[in-house]
Amino acid sequence: MTTTDMIDVPLYRAAHGRTGDKGDRSNISVIAWHPDLFPLLLDQLTPERVAAQFRHRAPSQVQRFVLPRLHAMNFVLDAVLDGGVNDALNLDAHGKALSFLLLDMPVRVPRALLHLLAGP
C-alpha cells in the first residue's frame, strides 16, 4: 500500500477506550469500532508507542495484553498516577481521563477502511 492509500486519523475514530486505576497503575482498554480495524491497531499500538505517548508521565513500564476475540487490547501503565490517589497532588489522581490522551494518538488507516471509522 502506498502512502497515498493511507490517512492519519486520531485513534478515537477507529476505537473507543475505558480507563481504570489501582494505586499508581493505570489500565487503558482500546476496543476497535469494527473487527476489520483491529489488525491495524494491533500493528500500530505497541507498548513502545504508547509509552512515547505518555512520556510526560514517565511510565516505568507499559504492558499490552491482546484480547483478539473482543477486538481489543489492554495497556497497563506503571507509575503514571503520581503515586496513586492517596499520594498525588494531581487533581485527576484516578487517571480516568488518560484514555483520552491515548485516543488522541494518530493511527494510519487505509482509505478503503474509512467507512468503518466513527465521526466525520
N, C-alpha and C. Protein backbone atom coordinates (compact mmCIF):
# COMPACT_ATOMS: atom_id res chain seq x y z
N MET A 1 0.84 -1.17 0.00
CA MET A 1 0.00 0.00 0.00
C MET A 1 0.89 1.24 0.00
N THR A 2 0.58 2.20 -0.81
CA THR A 2 1.37 3.43 -0.87
C THR A 2 0.88 4.40 0.19
N THR A 3 1.69 5.41 0.43
CA THR A 3 1.31 6.41 1.44
C THR A 3 0.06 7.18 1.04
N THR A 4 -0.22 7.28 -0.26
CA THR A 4 -1.44 7.97 -0.69
C THR A 4 -2.68 7.13 -0.44
N ASP A 5 -2.50 5.83 -0.20
CA ASP A 5 -3.62 4.96 0.12
C ASP A 5 -3.96 4.99 1.61
N MET A 6 -3.18 5.72 2.40
CA MET A 6 -3.35 5.76 3.85
C MET A 6 -3.68 7.17 4.30
N ILE A 7 -4.34 7.27 5.42
CA ILE A 7 -4.66 8.57 6.00
C ILE A 7 -4.44 8.48 7.51
N ASP A 8 -3.95 9.56 8.11
CA ASP A 8 -3.78 9.63 9.56
C ASP A 8 -5.06 10.15 10.18
N VAL A 9 -5.52 9.45 11.21
CA VAL A 9 -6.71 9.87 11.96
C VAL A 9 -6.42 9.68 13.44
N PRO A 10 -7.11 10.40 14.31
CA PRO A 10 -6.95 10.13 15.74
C PRO A 10 -7.54 8.75 16.06
N LEU A 11 -6.91 8.09 16.99
CA LEU A 11 -7.32 6.73 17.37
C LEU A 11 -8.80 6.64 17.71
N TYR A 12 -9.38 7.69 18.31
CA TYR A 12 -10.78 7.62 18.71
C TYR A 12 -11.72 7.39 17.54
N ARG A 13 -11.28 7.65 16.32
CA ARG A 13 -12.12 7.38 15.16
C ARG A 13 -12.14 5.89 14.83
N ALA A 14 -11.11 5.15 15.26
CA ALA A 14 -11.01 3.72 14.97
C ALA A 14 -11.36 2.85 16.17
N ALA A 15 -11.37 3.44 17.37
CA ALA A 15 -11.58 2.65 18.58
C ALA A 15 -12.14 3.52 19.69
N HIS A 16 -12.67 2.86 20.69
CA HIS A 16 -13.06 3.56 21.91
C HIS A 16 -12.26 2.97 23.06
N GLY A 17 -12.32 3.61 24.20
CA GLY A 17 -11.49 3.14 25.31
C GLY A 17 -12.17 3.29 26.65
N ARG A 18 -11.55 2.66 27.62
CA ARG A 18 -12.01 2.75 29.01
C ARG A 18 -10.78 2.69 29.90
N THR A 19 -10.79 3.46 30.96
CA THR A 19 -9.63 3.53 31.84
C THR A 19 -10.02 3.16 33.27
N GLY A 20 -9.11 2.49 33.92
CA GLY A 20 -9.26 2.19 35.34
C GLY A 20 -7.92 2.39 36.02
N ASP A 21 -7.92 2.35 37.34
CA ASP A 21 -6.66 2.54 38.05
C ASP A 21 -6.66 1.76 39.34
N LYS A 22 -5.46 1.47 39.81
CA LYS A 22 -5.25 0.83 41.11
C LYS A 22 -3.90 1.31 41.59
N GLY A 23 -3.87 2.05 42.67
CA GLY A 23 -2.61 2.58 43.16
C GLY A 23 -1.99 3.51 42.13
N ASP A 24 -0.75 3.24 41.76
CA ASP A 24 -0.02 4.08 40.81
C ASP A 24 -0.02 3.46 39.41
N ARG A 25 -0.98 2.59 39.14
CA ARG A 25 -1.06 1.86 37.86
C ARG A 25 -2.37 2.23 37.16
N SER A 26 -2.27 2.47 35.85
CA SER A 26 -3.45 2.76 35.05
C SER A 26 -3.65 1.64 34.02
N ASN A 27 -4.89 1.23 33.85
CA ASN A 27 -5.28 0.29 32.80
C ASN A 27 -6.06 1.07 31.75
N ILE A 28 -5.66 0.93 30.50
CA ILE A 28 -6.40 1.59 29.42
C ILE A 28 -6.76 0.54 28.39
N SER A 29 -8.05 0.31 28.22
CA SER A 29 -8.53 -0.62 27.21
C SER A 29 -8.81 0.13 25.93
N VAL A 30 -8.49 -0.50 24.81
CA VAL A 30 -8.76 0.05 23.49
C VAL A 30 -9.55 -1.01 22.73
N ILE A 31 -10.74 -0.66 22.26
CA ILE A 31 -11.63 -1.60 21.59
C ILE A 31 -11.95 -1.05 20.20
N ALA A 32 -11.63 -1.82 19.18
CA ALA A 32 -11.87 -1.39 17.80
C ALA A 32 -13.37 -1.21 17.55
N TRP A 33 -13.71 -0.17 16.81
CA TRP A 33 -15.11 0.05 16.44
C TRP A 33 -15.60 -1.06 15.52
N HIS A 34 -14.69 -1.64 14.74
CA HIS A 34 -15.06 -2.69 13.79
C HIS A 34 -13.94 -3.73 13.76
N PRO A 35 -14.27 -5.02 13.65
CA PRO A 35 -13.23 -6.06 13.63
C PRO A 35 -12.17 -5.86 12.55
N ASP A 36 -12.55 -5.28 11.41
CA ASP A 36 -11.58 -5.07 10.33
C ASP A 36 -10.53 -4.02 10.68
N LEU A 37 -10.79 -3.20 11.69
CA LEU A 37 -9.83 -2.19 12.11
C LEU A 37 -8.82 -2.75 13.12
N PHE A 38 -9.16 -3.86 13.76
CA PHE A 38 -8.31 -4.39 14.82
C PHE A 38 -6.89 -4.74 14.37
N PRO A 39 -6.68 -5.40 13.22
CA PRO A 39 -5.29 -5.72 12.84
C PRO A 39 -4.39 -4.50 12.69
N LEU A 40 -4.92 -3.41 12.15
CA LEU A 40 -4.07 -2.23 12.00
C LEU A 40 -3.79 -1.60 13.36
N LEU A 41 -4.74 -1.67 14.29
CA LEU A 41 -4.50 -1.16 15.64
C LEU A 41 -3.45 -2.01 16.35
N LEU A 42 -3.53 -3.30 16.15
CA LEU A 42 -2.57 -4.22 16.75
C LEU A 42 -1.15 -3.92 16.26
N ASP A 43 -1.03 -3.60 14.98
CA ASP A 43 0.28 -3.26 14.42
C ASP A 43 0.82 -1.94 14.94
N GLN A 44 -0.05 -0.98 15.16
CA GLN A 44 0.40 0.38 15.47
C GLN A 44 0.43 0.72 16.96
N LEU A 45 -0.39 0.07 17.75
CA LEU A 45 -0.44 0.38 19.18
C LEU A 45 0.48 -0.57 19.95
N THR A 46 1.74 -0.31 19.83
CA THR A 46 2.74 -1.11 20.53
C THR A 46 2.99 -0.53 21.92
N PRO A 47 3.52 -1.32 22.83
CA PRO A 47 3.86 -0.77 24.14
C PRO A 47 4.83 0.41 24.04
N GLU A 48 5.76 0.33 23.10
CA GLU A 48 6.74 1.42 22.93
C GLU A 48 6.06 2.71 22.47
N ARG A 49 5.13 2.58 21.55
CA ARG A 49 4.44 3.77 21.05
C ARG A 49 3.53 4.37 22.13
N VAL A 50 2.89 3.52 22.90
CA VAL A 50 2.04 4.01 24.00
C VAL A 50 2.91 4.69 25.06
N ALA A 51 4.06 4.10 25.37
CA ALA A 51 4.98 4.72 26.33
C ALA A 51 5.40 6.11 25.83
N ALA A 52 5.65 6.22 24.53
CA ALA A 52 6.03 7.52 23.97
C ALA A 52 4.89 8.53 24.08
N GLN A 53 3.66 8.09 23.92
CA GLN A 53 2.50 8.98 24.04
C GLN A 53 2.37 9.51 25.47
N PHE A 54 2.82 8.71 26.44
CA PHE A 54 2.73 9.08 27.85
C PHE A 54 4.08 9.48 28.43
N ARG A 55 5.02 9.84 27.59
CA ARG A 55 6.38 10.13 28.07
C ARG A 55 6.40 11.23 29.13
N HIS A 56 5.50 12.19 29.06
CA HIS A 56 5.45 13.26 30.06
C HIS A 56 5.03 12.73 31.44
N ARG A 57 4.40 11.55 31.49
CA ARG A 57 4.02 10.93 32.76
C ARG A 57 5.06 9.90 33.21
N ALA A 58 6.06 9.64 32.33
CA ALA A 58 7.21 8.77 32.63
C ALA A 58 6.82 7.40 33.19
N PRO A 59 6.04 6.61 32.43
CA PRO A 59 5.70 5.28 32.93
C PRO A 59 6.96 4.44 33.11
N SER A 60 7.01 3.68 34.20
CA SER A 60 8.17 2.81 34.42
C SER A 60 8.09 1.57 33.54
N GLN A 61 6.88 1.22 33.13
CA GLN A 61 6.68 0.05 32.27
C GLN A 61 5.32 0.18 31.60
N VAL A 62 5.23 -0.28 30.34
CA VAL A 62 3.96 -0.37 29.64
C VAL A 62 3.84 -1.80 29.11
N GLN A 63 2.76 -2.46 29.50
CA GLN A 63 2.50 -3.81 29.02
C GLN A 63 1.22 -3.79 28.18
N ARG A 64 1.19 -4.65 27.16
CA ARG A 64 0.00 -4.77 26.32
C ARG A 64 -0.53 -6.20 26.42
N PHE A 65 -1.81 -6.32 26.64
CA PHE A 65 -2.49 -7.61 26.68
C PHE A 65 -3.53 -7.61 25.58
N VAL A 66 -3.41 -8.55 24.64
CA VAL A 66 -4.28 -8.59 23.47
C VAL A 66 -5.47 -9.52 23.74
N LEU A 67 -6.64 -9.04 23.39
CA LEU A 67 -7.90 -9.79 23.54
C LEU A 67 -8.54 -9.93 22.16
N PRO A 68 -8.01 -10.83 21.32
CA PRO A 68 -8.42 -10.87 19.92
C PRO A 68 -9.91 -11.17 19.69
N ARG A 69 -10.51 -11.97 20.54
CA ARG A 69 -11.92 -12.29 20.33
C ARG A 69 -12.82 -11.09 20.61
N LEU A 70 -12.30 -10.13 21.35
CA LEU A 70 -13.04 -8.89 21.64
C LEU A 70 -12.60 -7.74 20.73
N HIS A 71 -11.59 -8.00 19.87
CA HIS A 71 -11.01 -6.95 19.02
C HIS A 71 -10.53 -5.80 19.88
N ALA A 72 -9.84 -6.18 20.96
CA ALA A 72 -9.43 -5.20 21.96
C ALA A 72 -8.04 -5.51 22.49
N MET A 73 -7.50 -4.55 23.19
CA MET A 73 -6.25 -4.74 23.92
C MET A 73 -6.32 -3.89 25.17
N ASN A 74 -5.55 -4.30 26.15
CA ASN A 74 -5.49 -3.57 27.41
C ASN A 74 -4.04 -3.20 27.67
N PHE A 75 -3.81 -1.94 27.96
CA PHE A 75 -2.48 -1.46 28.30
C PHE A 75 -2.42 -1.20 29.80
N VAL A 76 -1.35 -1.67 30.41
CA VAL A 76 -1.11 -1.43 31.83
C VAL A 76 0.11 -0.54 31.92
N LEU A 77 -0.07 0.65 32.47
CA LEU A 77 1.00 1.63 32.61
C LEU A 77 1.33 1.78 34.09
N ASP A 78 2.56 1.47 34.44
CA ASP A 78 3.00 1.57 35.83
C ASP A 78 3.62 2.93 36.11
N ALA A 79 3.39 3.42 37.32
CA ALA A 79 3.98 4.66 37.83
C ALA A 79 3.59 5.89 37.01
N VAL A 80 2.30 6.00 36.66
CA VAL A 80 1.84 7.15 35.88
C VAL A 80 0.84 8.03 36.62
N LEU A 81 0.53 7.68 37.87
CA LEU A 81 -0.52 8.40 38.59
C LEU A 81 0.01 9.18 39.78
N ASP A 82 1.22 9.66 39.68
CA ASP A 82 1.81 10.49 40.72
C ASP A 82 1.75 9.84 42.10
N GLY A 83 1.92 8.53 42.13
CA GLY A 83 1.91 7.80 43.39
C GLY A 83 0.58 7.17 43.75
N GLY A 84 -0.48 7.52 43.04
CA GLY A 84 -1.80 6.98 43.33
C GLY A 84 -2.70 8.00 44.00
N VAL A 85 -3.93 7.62 44.20
CA VAL A 85 -4.96 8.54 44.71
C VAL A 85 -4.56 9.18 46.04
N ASN A 86 -4.03 8.41 46.95
CA ASN A 86 -3.72 8.94 48.28
C ASN A 86 -2.45 9.78 48.33
N ASP A 87 -1.57 9.62 47.36
CA ASP A 87 -0.29 10.33 47.38
C ASP A 87 -0.22 11.52 46.43
N ALA A 88 -1.07 11.56 45.43
CA ALA A 88 -0.93 12.54 44.36
C ALA A 88 -1.46 13.91 44.74
N LEU A 89 -0.78 14.92 44.24
CA LEU A 89 -1.28 16.29 44.33
C LEU A 89 -2.08 16.65 43.09
N ASN A 90 -2.07 15.75 42.12
CA ASN A 90 -2.77 15.91 40.86
C ASN A 90 -4.29 15.90 41.09
N LEU A 91 -5.02 16.79 40.45
CA LEU A 91 -6.47 16.83 40.62
C LEU A 91 -7.15 15.58 40.09
N ASP A 92 -6.58 14.97 39.04
CA ASP A 92 -7.16 13.74 38.49
C ASP A 92 -6.25 12.57 38.82
N ALA A 93 -6.05 12.33 40.08
CA ALA A 93 -5.15 11.26 40.50
C ALA A 93 -5.68 9.88 40.13
N HIS A 94 -6.96 9.79 39.86
CA HIS A 94 -7.52 8.50 39.48
C HIS A 94 -7.14 8.10 38.06
N GLY A 95 -6.75 9.03 37.24
CA GLY A 95 -6.32 8.71 35.88
C GLY A 95 -7.45 8.36 34.94
N LYS A 96 -8.69 8.69 35.28
CA LYS A 96 -9.81 8.33 34.41
C LYS A 96 -9.73 8.99 33.04
N ALA A 97 -9.09 10.12 32.96
CA ALA A 97 -9.00 10.84 31.69
C ALA A 97 -7.85 10.38 30.81
N LEU A 98 -7.02 9.46 31.28
CA LEU A 98 -5.85 9.05 30.49
C LEU A 98 -6.23 8.36 29.20
N SER A 99 -7.41 7.75 29.12
CA SER A 99 -7.80 7.12 27.86
C SER A 99 -7.92 8.17 26.76
N PHE A 100 -8.31 9.38 27.11
CA PHE A 100 -8.44 10.42 26.09
C PHE A 100 -7.09 10.80 25.50
N LEU A 101 -6.06 10.77 26.33
CA LEU A 101 -4.72 11.04 25.82
C LEU A 101 -4.30 9.97 24.82
N LEU A 102 -4.58 8.72 25.13
CA LEU A 102 -4.25 7.64 24.20
C LEU A 102 -5.11 7.71 22.95
N LEU A 103 -6.40 7.97 23.11
CA LEU A 103 -7.31 8.00 21.96
C LEU A 103 -7.06 9.17 21.03
N ASP A 104 -6.25 10.12 21.44
CA ASP A 104 -5.88 11.24 20.58
C ASP A 104 -4.66 10.91 19.71
N MET A 105 -4.01 9.79 19.97
CA MET A 105 -2.82 9.40 19.22
C MET A 105 -3.19 9.11 17.76
N PRO A 106 -2.39 9.57 16.80
CA PRO A 106 -2.71 9.30 15.40
C PRO A 106 -2.40 7.85 15.00
N VAL A 107 -3.28 7.31 14.16
CA VAL A 107 -3.05 6.00 13.55
C VAL A 107 -3.26 6.14 12.05
N ARG A 108 -2.59 5.27 11.30
CA ARG A 108 -2.71 5.28 9.84
C ARG A 108 -3.73 4.23 9.43
N VAL A 109 -4.69 4.67 8.62
CA VAL A 109 -5.78 3.81 8.19
C VAL A 109 -5.84 3.81 6.66
N PRO A 110 -5.99 2.64 6.06
CA PRO A 110 -6.16 2.61 4.60
C PRO A 110 -7.45 3.33 4.21
N ARG A 111 -7.40 4.06 3.13
CA ARG A 111 -8.59 4.78 2.67
C ARG A 111 -9.77 3.84 2.44
N ALA A 112 -9.48 2.61 2.08
CA ALA A 112 -10.55 1.62 1.83
C ALA A 112 -11.33 1.30 3.11
N LEU A 113 -10.78 1.60 4.28
CA LEU A 113 -11.47 1.31 5.54
C LEU A 113 -12.09 2.55 6.18
N LEU A 114 -12.00 3.70 5.54
CA LEU A 114 -12.51 4.93 6.13
C LEU A 114 -13.99 4.85 6.49
N HIS A 115 -14.75 4.08 5.75
CA HIS A 115 -16.19 3.96 6.03
C HIS A 115 -16.47 3.27 7.37
N LEU A 116 -15.46 2.62 7.96
CA LEU A 116 -15.63 1.94 9.24
C LEU A 116 -15.34 2.85 10.43
N LEU A 117 -14.79 4.02 10.18
CA LEU A 117 -14.41 4.93 11.25
C LEU A 117 -15.62 5.65 11.83
N ALA A 118 -15.51 6.01 13.09
CA ALA A 118 -16.54 6.80 13.75
C ALA A 118 -16.27 8.28 13.49
N GLY A 119 -17.31 9.06 13.48
CA GLY A 119 -17.16 10.51 13.35
C GLY A 119 -16.89 10.95 11.94
N PRO A 120 -16.78 12.28 11.77
CA PRO A 120 -16.58 12.85 10.43
C PRO A 120 -15.16 12.68 9.94
